[in-house]
């Protein structure tokens, strides 16, 4: 069976590796090639979590504090979205672009670490393999429906409104 936790972790690994690839870029063209795909995936990953993972955590989470974990995630996703949008508004390779990408990297790294320490362990302890399989299929459909970020909502969300709507 597929497991949404494995898919979330696979995305986390991919995101981390793409940030490392930026360190190897030797030209603005190389930076752009890595960043454009990474920026789109950051937005898509946040929306996938908010569509598939966090609604299930809010309903099933018992081992931790699913509302607090979800609120933290929404706030983090908003910071990442903001940094991505900021980077997109500047010329690739410029000082302000590097600063915005650095913020995206920092915010994303902190988010992934926190999620892997808190939300995902709660989710694993609170759900069945069957539910995780069902959510894995939803996750895969989400990515199929939003290839290259098509139709992904990149606007910030109000955490309290999100929690109320998905609880």
N, C-alpha and C. Protein backbone atom coordinates (compact mmCIF):
# COMPACT_ATOMS: atom_id res chain seq x y z
N UNK A 1 0.84 -1.19 0.00
CA UNK A 1 0.00 0.00 0.00
C UNK A 1 0.88 1.25 0.00
N UNK A 2 0.36 2.28 -0.62
CA UNK A 2 1.02 3.58 -0.59
C UNK A 2 0.74 4.24 0.76
N UNK A 3 1.59 5.16 1.14
CA UNK A 3 1.43 5.86 2.41
C UNK A 3 1.71 7.34 2.18
N UNK A 4 0.75 8.19 2.53
CA UNK A 4 0.91 9.62 2.34
C UNK A 4 2.13 10.15 3.10
N UNK A 5 2.45 9.52 4.22
CA UNK A 5 3.62 9.96 4.99
C UNK A 5 4.88 9.80 4.15
N UNK A 6 4.99 8.68 3.43
CA UNK A 6 6.15 8.47 2.57
C UNK A 6 6.22 9.53 1.47
N UNK A 7 5.06 9.90 0.93
CA UNK A 7 5.04 10.91 -0.13
C UNK A 7 5.40 12.29 0.40
N UNK A 8 4.93 12.61 1.59
CA UNK A 8 5.30 13.90 2.20
C UNK A 8 6.81 13.94 2.45
N UNK A 9 7.35 12.85 3.03
CA UNK A 9 8.80 12.79 3.26
C UNK A 9 9.59 12.87 1.96
N UNK A 10 9.10 12.23 0.92
CA UNK A 10 9.79 12.28 -0.37
C UNK A 10 9.84 13.72 -0.90
N UNK A 11 8.74 14.44 -0.75
CA UNK A 11 8.73 15.85 -1.13
C UNK A 11 9.73 16.64 -0.29
N UNK A 12 9.74 16.39 1.01
CA UNK A 12 10.67 17.11 1.88
C UNK A 12 12.11 16.89 1.42
N UNK A 13 12.43 15.65 1.13
CA UNK A 13 13.79 15.33 0.67
C UNK A 13 14.08 16.05 -0.64
N UNK A 14 13.13 16.05 -1.57
CA UNK A 14 13.33 16.71 -2.86
C UNK A 14 13.55 18.21 -2.66
N UNK A 15 12.74 18.83 -1.82
CA UNK A 15 12.89 20.27 -1.58
C UNK A 15 14.27 20.59 -1.01
N UNK A 16 14.69 19.82 -0.03
CA UNK A 16 16.02 20.06 0.56
C UNK A 16 17.11 19.92 -0.49
N UNK A 17 17.03 18.90 -1.31
CA UNK A 17 18.06 18.68 -2.33
C UNK A 17 18.10 19.79 -3.37
N UNK A 18 16.94 20.33 -3.72
CA UNK A 18 16.91 21.42 -4.70
C UNK A 18 17.58 22.67 -4.14
N UNK A 19 17.37 22.94 -2.86
CA UNK A 19 18.07 24.08 -2.26
C UNK A 19 19.58 23.85 -2.32
N UNK A 20 20.03 22.61 -2.11
CA UNK A 20 21.46 22.31 -2.22
C UNK A 20 21.95 22.54 -3.64
N UNK A 21 21.12 22.21 -4.64
CA UNK A 21 21.54 22.42 -6.03
C UNK A 21 21.78 23.89 -6.33
N UNK A 22 21.04 24.78 -5.66
CA UNK A 22 21.30 26.21 -5.85
C UNK A 22 22.74 26.55 -5.47
N UNK A 23 23.27 25.85 -4.47
CA UNK A 23 24.64 26.12 -4.03
C UNK A 23 25.67 25.76 -5.09
N UNK A 24 25.32 24.85 -5.98
CA UNK A 24 26.24 24.40 -7.03
C UNK A 24 26.12 25.22 -8.31
N UNK A 25 25.09 26.04 -8.42
CA UNK A 25 24.90 26.82 -9.63
C UNK A 25 26.04 27.81 -9.82
N UNK A 26 26.50 27.93 -11.06
CA UNK A 26 27.63 28.82 -11.35
C UNK A 26 27.25 29.98 -12.27
N UNK A 27 25.97 30.08 -12.60
CA UNK A 27 25.52 31.19 -13.45
C UNK A 27 24.07 31.52 -13.09
N UNK A 28 23.64 32.68 -13.53
CA UNK A 28 22.24 33.05 -13.31
C UNK A 28 21.30 32.11 -14.05
N UNK A 29 21.72 31.63 -15.20
CA UNK A 29 20.88 30.68 -15.95
C UNK A 29 20.70 29.39 -15.16
N UNK A 30 21.76 28.93 -14.51
CA UNK A 30 21.65 27.72 -13.68
C UNK A 30 20.79 27.98 -12.45
N UNK A 31 20.99 29.14 -11.82
CA UNK A 31 20.14 29.50 -10.68
C UNK A 31 18.67 29.51 -11.09
N UNK A 32 18.38 30.11 -12.22
CA UNK A 32 17.00 30.20 -12.70
C UNK A 32 16.44 28.80 -12.97
N UNK A 33 17.23 27.94 -13.57
CA UNK A 33 16.77 26.59 -13.91
C UNK A 33 16.37 25.82 -12.65
N UNK A 34 17.14 25.96 -11.59
CA UNK A 34 16.83 25.27 -10.33
C UNK A 34 15.68 25.98 -9.63
N UNK A 35 15.76 27.30 -9.52
CA UNK A 35 14.81 28.06 -8.71
C UNK A 35 13.38 28.00 -9.25
N UNK A 36 13.20 28.12 -10.54
CA UNK A 36 11.84 28.16 -11.07
C UNK A 36 11.07 26.88 -10.73
N UNK A 37 11.72 25.75 -10.86
CA UNK A 37 11.06 24.48 -10.53
C UNK A 37 10.88 24.36 -9.03
N UNK A 38 11.89 24.75 -8.26
CA UNK A 38 11.81 24.69 -6.80
C UNK A 38 10.72 25.61 -6.27
N UNK A 39 10.66 26.82 -6.76
CA UNK A 39 9.65 27.78 -6.28
C UNK A 39 8.24 27.25 -6.54
N UNK A 40 8.04 26.70 -7.71
CA UNK A 40 6.73 26.13 -8.04
C UNK A 40 6.40 24.96 -7.12
N UNK A 41 7.39 24.13 -6.84
CA UNK A 41 7.15 22.96 -5.98
C UNK A 41 6.90 23.38 -4.54
N UNK A 42 7.57 24.43 -4.07
CA UNK A 42 7.30 24.92 -2.71
C UNK A 42 5.84 25.32 -2.57
N UNK A 43 5.34 26.06 -3.55
CA UNK A 43 3.93 26.46 -3.51
C UNK A 43 3.00 25.26 -3.63
N UNK A 44 3.33 24.34 -4.52
CA UNK A 44 2.49 23.16 -4.75
C UNK A 44 2.49 22.25 -3.53
N UNK A 45 3.64 22.07 -2.93
CA UNK A 45 3.73 21.21 -1.75
C UNK A 45 2.88 21.78 -0.60
N UNK A 46 2.97 23.07 -0.38
CA UNK A 46 2.17 23.69 0.69
C UNK A 46 0.69 23.47 0.43
N UNK A 47 0.27 23.68 -0.80
CA UNK A 47 -1.15 23.50 -1.13
C UNK A 47 -1.56 22.03 -1.02
N UNK A 48 -0.69 21.11 -1.39
CA UNK A 48 -0.99 19.68 -1.26
C UNK A 48 -1.18 19.31 0.21
N UNK A 49 -0.29 19.80 1.07
CA UNK A 49 -0.44 19.52 2.49
C UNK A 49 -1.74 20.10 3.03
N UNK A 50 -2.08 21.30 2.59
CA UNK A 50 -3.29 21.97 3.09
C UNK A 50 -4.56 21.34 2.52
N UNK A 51 -4.45 20.64 1.42
CA UNK A 51 -5.60 19.99 0.80
C UNK A 51 -5.79 18.56 1.29
N UNK A 52 -4.69 17.85 1.50
CA UNK A 52 -4.76 16.42 1.80
C UNK A 52 -4.36 16.09 3.24
N UNK A 53 -3.21 16.55 3.66
CA UNK A 53 -2.63 16.11 4.93
C UNK A 53 -3.26 16.77 6.15
N UNK A 54 -3.28 18.09 6.18
CA UNK A 54 -3.72 18.78 7.39
C UNK A 54 -5.21 18.63 7.70
N UNK A 55 -6.10 18.57 6.72
CA UNK A 55 -7.50 18.29 7.08
C UNK A 55 -7.65 16.94 7.79
N UNK A 56 -6.90 15.94 7.33
CA UNK A 56 -6.96 14.62 7.98
C UNK A 56 -6.34 14.67 9.37
N UNK A 57 -5.25 15.40 9.53
CA UNK A 57 -4.63 15.53 10.86
C UNK A 57 -5.61 16.19 11.83
N UNK A 58 -6.28 17.23 11.38
CA UNK A 58 -7.24 17.92 12.26
C UNK A 58 -8.35 16.98 12.73
N UNK A 59 -8.77 16.07 11.87
CA UNK A 59 -9.87 15.17 12.22
C UNK A 59 -9.39 13.94 13.00
N UNK A 60 -8.18 13.47 12.74
CA UNK A 60 -7.72 12.20 13.30
C UNK A 60 -6.62 12.33 14.35
N UNK A 61 -5.88 13.45 14.34
CA UNK A 61 -4.75 13.61 15.24
C UNK A 61 -5.16 13.52 16.70
N UNK A 62 -4.43 12.71 17.47
CA UNK A 62 -4.73 12.53 18.90
C UNK A 62 -3.47 12.53 19.74
N UNK A 63 -2.35 12.16 19.13
CA UNK A 63 -1.12 11.98 19.90
C UNK A 63 -0.47 13.31 20.27
N UNK A 64 -0.77 14.34 19.53
CA UNK A 64 -0.19 15.66 19.79
C UNK A 64 -1.30 16.69 19.91
N UNK A 65 -1.04 17.86 19.39
CA UNK A 65 -2.03 18.94 19.38
C UNK A 65 -2.26 19.32 17.92
N UNK A 66 -3.18 18.62 17.23
CA UNK A 66 -3.34 18.83 15.79
C UNK A 66 -3.71 20.26 15.40
N UNK A 67 -4.47 20.95 16.24
CA UNK A 67 -4.80 22.34 15.90
C UNK A 67 -3.57 23.22 15.94
N UNK A 68 -2.74 23.06 16.97
CA UNK A 68 -1.51 23.84 17.07
C UNK A 68 -0.55 23.49 15.93
N UNK A 69 -0.44 22.18 15.63
CA UNK A 69 0.44 21.74 14.55
C UNK A 69 -0.01 22.32 13.21
N UNK A 70 -1.33 22.35 13.01
CA UNK A 70 -1.88 22.88 11.76
C UNK A 70 -1.69 24.39 11.69
N UNK A 71 -1.94 25.07 12.79
CA UNK A 71 -1.74 26.52 12.80
C UNK A 71 -0.28 26.85 12.47
N UNK A 72 0.65 26.14 13.09
CA UNK A 72 2.07 26.36 12.80
C UNK A 72 2.37 26.15 11.32
N UNK A 73 1.79 25.10 10.75
CA UNK A 73 2.05 24.80 9.34
C UNK A 73 1.51 25.89 8.42
N UNK A 74 0.31 26.37 8.68
CA UNK A 74 -0.27 27.41 7.84
C UNK A 74 0.56 28.69 7.92
N UNK A 75 0.96 29.06 9.13
CA UNK A 75 1.81 30.24 9.31
C UNK A 75 3.13 30.05 8.56
N UNK A 76 3.73 28.86 8.70
CA UNK A 76 4.98 28.57 7.99
C UNK A 76 4.79 28.63 6.48
N UNK A 77 3.73 28.00 6.00
CA UNK A 77 3.47 28.02 4.55
C UNK A 77 3.32 29.45 4.05
N UNK A 78 2.64 30.29 4.82
CA UNK A 78 2.49 31.69 4.42
C UNK A 78 3.84 32.39 4.33
N UNK A 79 4.74 32.13 5.27
CA UNK A 79 6.07 32.73 5.23
C UNK A 79 6.84 32.25 4.01
N UNK A 80 6.73 30.96 3.71
CA UNK A 80 7.43 30.40 2.54
C UNK A 80 6.85 31.01 1.27
N UNK A 81 5.52 31.06 1.17
CA UNK A 81 4.88 31.67 0.00
C UNK A 81 5.34 33.12 -0.19
N UNK A 82 5.41 33.84 0.92
CA UNK A 82 5.83 35.23 0.85
C UNK A 82 7.25 35.37 0.34
N UNK A 83 8.14 34.52 0.83
CA UNK A 83 9.54 34.58 0.38
C UNK A 83 9.66 34.17 -1.09
N UNK A 84 8.89 33.17 -1.50
CA UNK A 84 8.90 32.75 -2.91
C UNK A 84 8.39 33.89 -3.79
N UNK A 85 7.30 34.51 -3.40
CA UNK A 85 6.76 35.63 -4.18
C UNK A 85 7.76 36.78 -4.25
N UNK A 86 8.41 37.05 -3.13
CA UNK A 86 9.42 38.11 -3.11
C UNK A 86 10.56 37.79 -4.08
N UNK A 87 11.05 36.57 -4.04
CA UNK A 87 12.14 36.18 -4.95
C UNK A 87 11.70 36.31 -6.41
N UNK A 88 10.47 35.92 -6.68
CA UNK A 88 9.97 35.99 -8.06
C UNK A 88 9.88 37.43 -8.56
N UNK A 89 9.83 38.39 -7.66
CA UNK A 89 9.71 39.79 -8.08
C UNK A 89 11.05 40.44 -8.36
N UNK A 90 12.14 39.69 -8.21
CA UNK A 90 13.48 40.24 -8.42
C UNK A 90 14.22 39.46 -9.51
N UNK A 91 15.22 40.10 -10.06
CA UNK A 91 16.07 39.46 -11.07
C UNK A 91 16.86 38.33 -10.42
N UNK A 92 16.81 37.18 -11.05
CA UNK A 92 17.55 36.02 -10.54
C UNK A 92 19.03 36.38 -10.44
N UNK A 93 19.61 36.06 -9.30
CA UNK A 93 21.02 36.30 -9.07
C UNK A 93 21.33 37.63 -8.42
N UNK A 94 20.34 38.51 -8.32
CA UNK A 94 20.58 39.80 -7.67
C UNK A 94 20.67 39.61 -6.15
N UNK A 95 21.21 40.61 -5.49
CA UNK A 95 21.36 40.53 -4.04
C UNK A 95 20.01 40.32 -3.34
N UNK A 96 18.98 41.08 -3.76
CA UNK A 96 17.67 40.96 -3.13
C UNK A 96 17.02 39.61 -3.45
N UNK A 97 17.31 39.07 -4.63
CA UNK A 97 16.81 37.73 -4.98
C UNK A 97 17.42 36.70 -4.03
N UNK A 98 18.75 36.77 -3.86
CA UNK A 98 19.42 35.83 -2.94
C UNK A 98 18.87 35.96 -1.52
N UNK A 99 18.59 37.17 -1.09
CA UNK A 99 18.04 37.36 0.26
C UNK A 99 16.66 36.70 0.38
N UNK A 100 15.82 36.88 -0.62
CA UNK A 100 14.48 36.27 -0.58
C UNK A 100 14.57 34.75 -0.66
N UNK A 101 15.42 34.24 -1.51
CA UNK A 101 15.61 32.79 -1.61
C UNK A 101 16.16 32.25 -0.30
N UNK A 102 17.06 32.99 0.33
CA UNK A 102 17.58 32.59 1.63
C UNK A 102 16.49 32.51 2.68
N UNK A 103 15.56 33.47 2.65
CA UNK A 103 14.42 33.41 3.58
C UNK A 103 13.54 32.20 3.29
N UNK A 104 13.30 31.93 2.02
CA UNK A 104 12.50 30.76 1.66
C UNK A 104 13.17 29.48 2.16
N UNK A 105 14.48 29.43 2.01
CA UNK A 105 15.24 28.24 2.44
C UNK A 105 15.16 28.07 3.96
N UNK A 106 15.36 29.16 4.67
CA UNK A 106 15.32 29.11 6.13
C UNK A 106 13.93 28.73 6.62
N UNK A 107 12.92 29.42 6.11
CA UNK A 107 11.54 29.13 6.54
C UNK A 107 11.16 27.70 6.20
N UNK A 108 11.51 27.26 5.01
CA UNK A 108 11.18 25.89 4.60
C UNK A 108 11.90 24.87 5.49
N UNK A 109 13.17 25.09 5.75
CA UNK A 109 13.92 24.15 6.59
C UNK A 109 13.33 24.04 7.98
N UNK A 110 12.98 25.18 8.57
CA UNK A 110 12.38 25.16 9.91
C UNK A 110 11.02 24.48 9.88
N UNK A 111 10.25 24.73 8.83
CA UNK A 111 8.94 24.10 8.71
C UNK A 111 9.06 22.58 8.60
N UNK A 112 9.93 22.12 7.72
CA UNK A 112 10.08 20.68 7.52
C UNK A 112 10.52 20.00 8.81
N UNK A 113 11.48 20.60 9.49
CA UNK A 113 11.96 20.02 10.74
C UNK A 113 10.85 19.92 11.78
N UNK A 114 10.08 20.99 11.94
CA UNK A 114 9.00 21.00 12.92
C UNK A 114 7.92 19.99 12.55
N UNK A 115 7.57 19.95 11.28
CA UNK A 115 6.53 19.02 10.82
C UNK A 115 6.96 17.57 11.06
N UNK A 116 8.22 17.29 10.79
CA UNK A 116 8.73 15.93 10.97
C UNK A 116 8.86 15.54 12.44
N UNK A 117 8.98 16.52 13.32
CA UNK A 117 9.06 16.25 14.77
C UNK A 117 7.70 16.15 15.42
N UNK A 118 6.71 16.88 14.90
CA UNK A 118 5.43 16.99 15.60
C UNK A 118 4.24 16.46 14.80
N UNK A 119 3.92 17.08 13.68
CA UNK A 119 2.70 16.73 12.95
C UNK A 119 2.74 15.31 12.39
N UNK A 120 3.84 14.95 11.76
CA UNK A 120 3.89 13.63 11.13
C UNK A 120 3.87 12.50 12.17
N UNK A 121 4.64 12.58 13.26
CA UNK A 121 4.52 11.51 14.27
C UNK A 121 3.10 11.40 14.84
N UNK A 122 2.44 12.54 15.09
CA UNK A 122 1.05 12.52 15.57
C UNK A 122 0.18 11.81 14.54
N UNK A 123 0.36 12.16 13.28
CA UNK A 123 -0.43 11.58 12.21
C UNK A 123 -0.24 10.06 12.14
N UNK A 124 1.02 9.62 12.20
CA UNK A 124 1.31 8.18 12.13
C UNK A 124 0.63 7.43 13.28
N UNK A 125 0.74 7.97 14.48
CA UNK A 125 0.17 7.32 15.66
C UNK A 125 -1.35 7.34 15.67
N UNK A 126 -1.95 8.28 14.95
CA UNK A 126 -3.39 8.51 15.05
C UNK A 126 -4.19 7.98 13.86
N UNK A 127 -3.52 7.42 12.87
CA UNK A 127 -4.23 6.98 11.67
C UNK A 127 -3.91 5.53 11.34
N UNK A 128 -4.73 4.98 10.50
CA UNK A 128 -4.54 3.59 10.06
C UNK A 128 -3.77 3.56 8.75
N UNK A 129 -3.14 2.43 8.45
CA UNK A 129 -2.49 2.30 7.13
C UNK A 129 -3.48 2.47 5.98
N UNK A 130 -4.72 2.04 6.20
CA UNK A 130 -5.73 2.19 5.14
C UNK A 130 -6.02 3.67 4.86
N UNK A 131 -6.16 4.46 5.90
CA UNK A 131 -6.40 5.90 5.69
C UNK A 131 -5.18 6.54 5.03
N UNK A 132 -3.99 6.17 5.48
CA UNK A 132 -2.78 6.76 4.89
C UNK A 132 -2.67 6.39 3.41
N UNK A 133 -3.12 5.18 3.05
CA UNK A 133 -3.13 4.78 1.64
C UNK A 133 -4.13 5.64 0.86
N UNK A 134 -5.33 5.79 1.39
CA UNK A 134 -6.36 6.60 0.74
C UNK A 134 -5.84 8.03 0.51
N UNK A 135 -5.20 8.59 1.53
CA UNK A 135 -4.66 9.95 1.41
C UNK A 135 -3.49 10.01 0.43
N UNK A 136 -2.72 8.92 0.35
CA UNK A 136 -1.63 8.88 -0.63
C UNK A 136 -2.19 8.99 -2.05
N UNK A 137 -3.30 8.30 -2.29
CA UNK A 137 -3.92 8.38 -3.61
C UNK A 137 -4.46 9.79 -3.87
N UNK A 138 -5.01 10.44 -2.84
CA UNK A 138 -5.46 11.83 -2.99
C UNK A 138 -4.28 12.75 -3.28
N UNK A 139 -3.16 12.51 -2.59
CA UNK A 139 -1.94 13.30 -2.79
C UNK A 139 -1.46 13.18 -4.24
N UNK A 140 -1.43 11.96 -4.74
CA UNK A 140 -0.98 11.73 -6.12
C UNK A 140 -1.93 12.37 -7.13
N UNK A 141 -3.24 12.30 -6.86
CA UNK A 141 -4.20 12.97 -7.75
C UNK A 141 -4.01 14.48 -7.70
N UNK A 142 -3.74 15.02 -6.51
CA UNK A 142 -3.51 16.46 -6.39
C UNK A 142 -2.35 16.88 -7.30
N UNK A 143 -1.23 16.16 -7.22
CA UNK A 143 -0.08 16.50 -8.04
C UNK A 143 -0.38 16.31 -9.53
N UNK A 144 -1.14 15.29 -9.88
CA UNK A 144 -1.51 15.08 -11.28
C UNK A 144 -2.38 16.21 -11.79
N UNK A 145 -3.25 16.72 -10.93
CA UNK A 145 -4.16 17.81 -11.31
C UNK A 145 -3.48 19.18 -11.31
N UNK A 146 -2.31 19.28 -10.71
CA UNK A 146 -1.63 20.58 -10.58
C UNK A 146 -0.19 20.50 -11.11
N UNK A 147 -0.03 19.85 -12.24
CA UNK A 147 1.31 19.71 -12.81
C UNK A 147 1.91 21.08 -13.09
N UNK A 148 3.18 21.20 -12.76
CA UNK A 148 3.92 22.46 -12.93
C UNK A 148 3.23 23.62 -12.21
N UNK A 149 2.52 23.29 -11.12
CA UNK A 149 1.89 24.32 -10.31
C UNK A 149 0.60 24.89 -10.87
N UNK A 150 0.07 24.28 -11.91
CA UNK A 150 -1.15 24.80 -12.55
C UNK A 150 -2.30 24.84 -11.55
N UNK A 151 -2.88 26.01 -11.39
CA UNK A 151 -4.05 26.16 -10.54
C UNK A 151 -3.79 26.15 -9.05
N UNK A 152 -2.54 26.19 -8.64
CA UNK A 152 -2.21 26.19 -7.21
C UNK A 152 -2.46 27.58 -6.63
N UNK A 153 -3.12 27.61 -5.50
CA UNK A 153 -3.39 28.87 -4.80
C UNK A 153 -2.12 29.28 -4.05
N UNK A 154 -1.57 30.42 -4.41
CA UNK A 154 -0.34 30.90 -3.77
C UNK A 154 -0.60 32.03 -2.78
N UNK A 155 -1.87 32.26 -2.46
CA UNK A 155 -2.21 33.32 -1.51
C UNK A 155 -2.12 32.80 -0.08
N UNK A 156 -1.75 33.69 0.82
CA UNK A 156 -1.70 33.35 2.24
C UNK A 156 -3.09 33.01 2.74
N UNK A 157 -3.12 32.16 3.75
CA UNK A 157 -4.38 31.74 4.36
C UNK A 157 -4.40 32.19 5.82
N UNK A 158 -5.58 32.47 6.32
CA UNK A 158 -5.75 32.75 7.73
C UNK A 158 -5.82 31.41 8.46
N UNK A 159 -4.91 31.19 9.39
CA UNK A 159 -4.82 29.89 10.07
C UNK A 159 -6.10 29.55 10.82
N UNK A 160 -6.66 30.52 11.53
CA UNK A 160 -7.88 30.25 12.31
C UNK A 160 -9.04 29.89 11.39
N UNK A 161 -9.18 30.61 10.28
CA UNK A 161 -10.25 30.29 9.32
C UNK A 161 -10.05 28.90 8.72
N UNK A 162 -8.79 28.57 8.41
CA UNK A 162 -8.48 27.26 7.84
C UNK A 162 -8.86 26.15 8.82
N UNK A 163 -8.45 26.30 10.07
CA UNK A 163 -8.75 25.28 11.09
C UNK A 163 -10.24 25.13 11.27
N UNK A 164 -10.95 26.24 11.33
CA UNK A 164 -12.41 26.17 11.49
C UNK A 164 -13.06 25.46 10.32
N UNK A 165 -12.59 25.73 9.12
CA UNK A 165 -13.18 25.14 7.90
C UNK A 165 -12.89 23.65 7.76
N UNK A 166 -11.78 23.19 8.36
CA UNK A 166 -11.36 21.80 8.18
C UNK A 166 -11.47 20.92 9.41
N UNK A 167 -11.97 21.44 10.49
CA UNK A 167 -12.11 20.65 11.70
C UNK A 167 -13.41 19.88 11.72
